[in-house]
């Protein structure tokens, strides 16, 4: 079965979730050209989409710091190494692109880390919003800098 998509209106705007029977494929800020799930549908993909929405809502209300979802994400080996390191950044902390490059033992890959960070298909779940520039500026974010600021504020102050 091909992946399914749902849209939900969150505290920070619309979020599009994509999942298959194997796991969560994506958390996006813009609609993807993927079939929408029918609310009456049954199956593992629907369960994953529902659980993802529930956990994101808990996170946005300050009730969850760690996500526990089955993932089914596609990427290069390098991207997956970067995303794995992103997933280790503690709630409420920020790392620089340089910090991540050092953690994957490739100090010179700062730009490539930035590119992999920008291609993270499951933002929020793999917290790419916790990565900032070495000078402390926020850098980019797929959801926009306003949302990145809100997420960082949520994690540091407990509210959006």
Protein backbone atom coordinates (compact mmCIF):
# COMPACT_ATOMS: atom_id res chain seq x y z
CA UNK A 1 0.00 0.00 0.00
CA UNK A 2 1.32 3.46 -0.85
CA UNK A 3 1.88 6.09 1.85
CA UNK A 4 -1.06 8.09 3.18
CA UNK A 5 -1.21 11.72 4.26
CA UNK A 6 -3.25 13.58 6.86
CA UNK A 7 -3.35 17.27 7.60
CA UNK A 8 -4.03 18.64 11.04
CA UNK A 9 -4.20 22.13 12.41
CA UNK A 10 -1.73 22.45 15.27
CA UNK A 11 -0.90 25.24 17.70
CA UNK A 12 1.77 26.40 15.23
CA UNK A 13 -0.16 25.99 12.00
CA UNK A 14 -1.01 23.18 9.60
CA UNK A 15 1.15 20.05 9.70
CA UNK A 16 1.08 17.30 7.08
CA UNK A 17 1.90 13.78 8.22
CA UNK A 18 2.81 10.95 5.86
CA UNK A 19 3.04 7.28 6.84
CA UNK A 20 2.99 3.79 5.40
CA UNK A 21 2.30 0.45 7.03
CA UNK A 22 6.02 0.38 7.98
CA UNK A 23 6.27 3.72 9.77
CA UNK A 24 6.26 7.48 9.63
CA UNK A 25 7.65 8.88 6.36
CA UNK A 26 7.34 12.58 6.99
CA UNK A 27 6.24 15.56 9.04
CA UNK A 28 5.91 18.48 6.65
CA UNK A 29 4.89 22.10 6.73
CA UNK A 30 3.58 21.99 3.16
CA UNK A 31 1.24 19.58 1.44
CA UNK A 32 2.79 16.68 -0.46
CA UNK A 33 1.33 15.06 -3.58
CA UNK A 34 0.31 11.94 -1.69
CA UNK A 35 -3.11 10.40 -1.23
CA UNK A 36 -5.02 11.65 1.79
CA UNK A 37 -6.12 9.11 4.35
CA UNK A 38 -9.84 8.60 4.69
CA UNK A 39 -10.86 8.91 8.37
CA UNK A 40 -12.80 5.62 8.03
CA UNK A 41 -9.74 3.72 6.83
CA UNK A 42 -8.16 1.11 9.06
CA UNK A 43 -4.69 -0.32 9.20
CA UNK A 44 -1.20 0.27 10.52
CA UNK A 45 -0.58 3.48 8.51
CA UNK A 46 -3.70 5.11 10.00
CA UNK A 47 -2.64 4.03 13.50
CA UNK A 48 0.81 5.56 12.94
CA UNK A 49 -0.69 8.82 11.61
CA UNK A 50 -3.07 9.06 14.58
CA UNK A 51 -0.34 8.31 17.11
CA UNK A 52 2.01 10.83 15.47
CA UNK A 53 -0.62 13.57 15.64
CA UNK A 54 -1.29 12.73 19.30
CA UNK A 55 2.42 12.83 20.21
CA UNK A 56 3.01 16.11 18.33
CA UNK A 57 0.06 17.71 20.14
CA UNK A 58 1.47 16.48 23.48
CA UNK A 59 4.86 17.97 22.55
CA UNK A 60 3.35 21.32 21.57
CA UNK A 61 1.47 21.48 24.90
CA UNK A 62 4.70 20.80 26.80
CA UNK A 63 3.60 17.30 27.84
CA UNK A 64 6.14 15.29 25.80
CA UNK A 65 9.89 15.63 25.36
CA UNK A 66 10.69 12.43 23.45
CA UNK A 67 8.80 10.86 20.54
CA UNK A 68 8.23 7.12 20.33
CA UNK A 69 7.11 6.29 16.79
CA UNK A 70 8.05 3.72 14.14
CA UNK A 71 10.02 5.47 11.40
CA UNK A 72 10.33 4.61 7.73
CA UNK A 73 12.45 7.38 6.27
CA UNK A 74 14.43 7.45 3.05
CA UNK A 75 17.79 9.14 2.70
CA UNK A 76 21.43 8.60 1.91
CA UNK A 77 23.70 6.91 4.45
CA UNK A 78 25.24 10.32 5.23
CA UNK A 79 21.81 11.91 5.76
CA UNK A 80 20.78 9.06 8.05
CA UNK A 81 23.96 9.50 10.13
CA UNK A 82 23.21 13.21 10.49
CA UNK A 83 19.55 12.57 11.37
CA UNK A 84 20.61 9.98 13.92
CA UNK A 85 22.84 12.59 15.61
CA UNK A 86 20.03 15.17 15.48
CA UNK A 87 17.79 12.73 17.32
CA UNK A 88 20.32 12.68 20.18
CA UNK A 89 20.15 16.46 20.81
CA UNK A 90 18.49 16.80 24.22
CA UNK A 91 15.19 18.60 24.61
CA UNK A 92 15.82 22.29 25.28
CA UNK A 93 19.42 22.24 23.99
CA UNK A 94 20.89 23.49 20.72
CA UNK A 95 23.91 22.27 18.76
CA UNK A 96 25.68 23.96 15.87
CA UNK A 97 26.12 22.44 12.42
CA UNK A 98 29.82 22.19 13.34
CA UNK A 99 28.96 20.25 16.52
CA UNK A 100 27.01 17.72 14.44
CA UNK A 101 29.86 17.42 11.90
CA UNK A 102 32.26 16.62 14.75
CA UNK A 103 29.86 14.05 16.22
CA UNK A 104 29.73 12.17 12.92
CA UNK A 105 33.56 12.37 12.81
CA UNK A 106 33.66 14.53 9.70
CA UNK A 107 34.71 18.02 10.88
CA UNK A 108 34.83 19.44 7.36
CA UNK A 109 31.27 18.41 6.49
CA UNK A 110 29.58 21.43 8.08
CA UNK A 111 27.83 22.49 4.86
CA UNK A 112 26.81 18.92 4.06
CA UNK A 113 25.40 18.61 7.59
CA UNK A 114 23.39 21.77 6.92
CA UNK A 115 22.07 20.30 3.67
CA UNK A 116 21.16 16.99 5.35
CA UNK A 117 19.50 18.92 8.17
CA UNK A 118 17.43 20.82 5.62
CA UNK A 119 16.33 17.56 3.97
CA UNK A 120 15.15 15.98 7.21
CA UNK A 121 11.71 14.58 6.30
CA UNK A 122 10.51 14.20 9.88
CA UNK A 123 11.08 17.59 11.46
CA UNK A 124 9.91 17.83 15.06
CA UNK A 125 10.39 14.06 15.49
CA UNK A 126 14.06 14.34 14.49
CA UNK A 127 14.63 17.79 16.00
CA UNK A 128 16.40 19.74 13.26
CA UNK A 129 15.01 22.92 14.86
CA UNK A 130 17.62 22.42 17.61
CA UNK A 131 20.48 23.06 15.17
CA UNK A 132 21.73 26.63 14.92
CA UNK A 133 24.69 28.41 13.34
CA UNK A 134 27.99 28.54 15.24
CA UNK A 135 27.48 32.27 15.86
CA UNK A 136 24.17 31.59 17.63
CA UNK A 137 21.88 32.71 14.81
CA UNK A 138 19.01 30.42 13.95
CA UNK A 139 19.74 29.61 10.31
CA UNK A 140 16.96 28.15 8.20
CA UNK A 141 14.03 25.90 8.99
CA UNK A 142 11.54 24.21 6.66
CA UNK A 143 8.63 25.53 8.73
CA UNK A 144 10.11 29.04 8.73
CA UNK A 145 12.13 30.91 11.34
CA UNK A 146 9.04 32.01 13.26
CA UNK A 147 8.10 28.38 13.93
CA UNK A 148 11.72 27.49 14.77
CA UNK A 149 11.78 30.32 17.33
CA UNK A 150 8.48 29.10 18.83
CA UNK A 151 9.75 25.52 19.13
CA UNK A 152 12.97 26.61 20.81
CA UNK A 153 11.01 28.88 23.16
CA UNK A 154 8.64 26.01 23.98
CA UNK A 155 11.58 23.79 24.91
CA UNK A 156 13.31 26.45 26.98
CA UNK A 157 10.28 28.07 28.67
CA UNK A 158 7.59 25.41 28.56
CA UNK A 159 5.13 27.30 26.35
CA UNK A 160 4.76 28.52 22.79
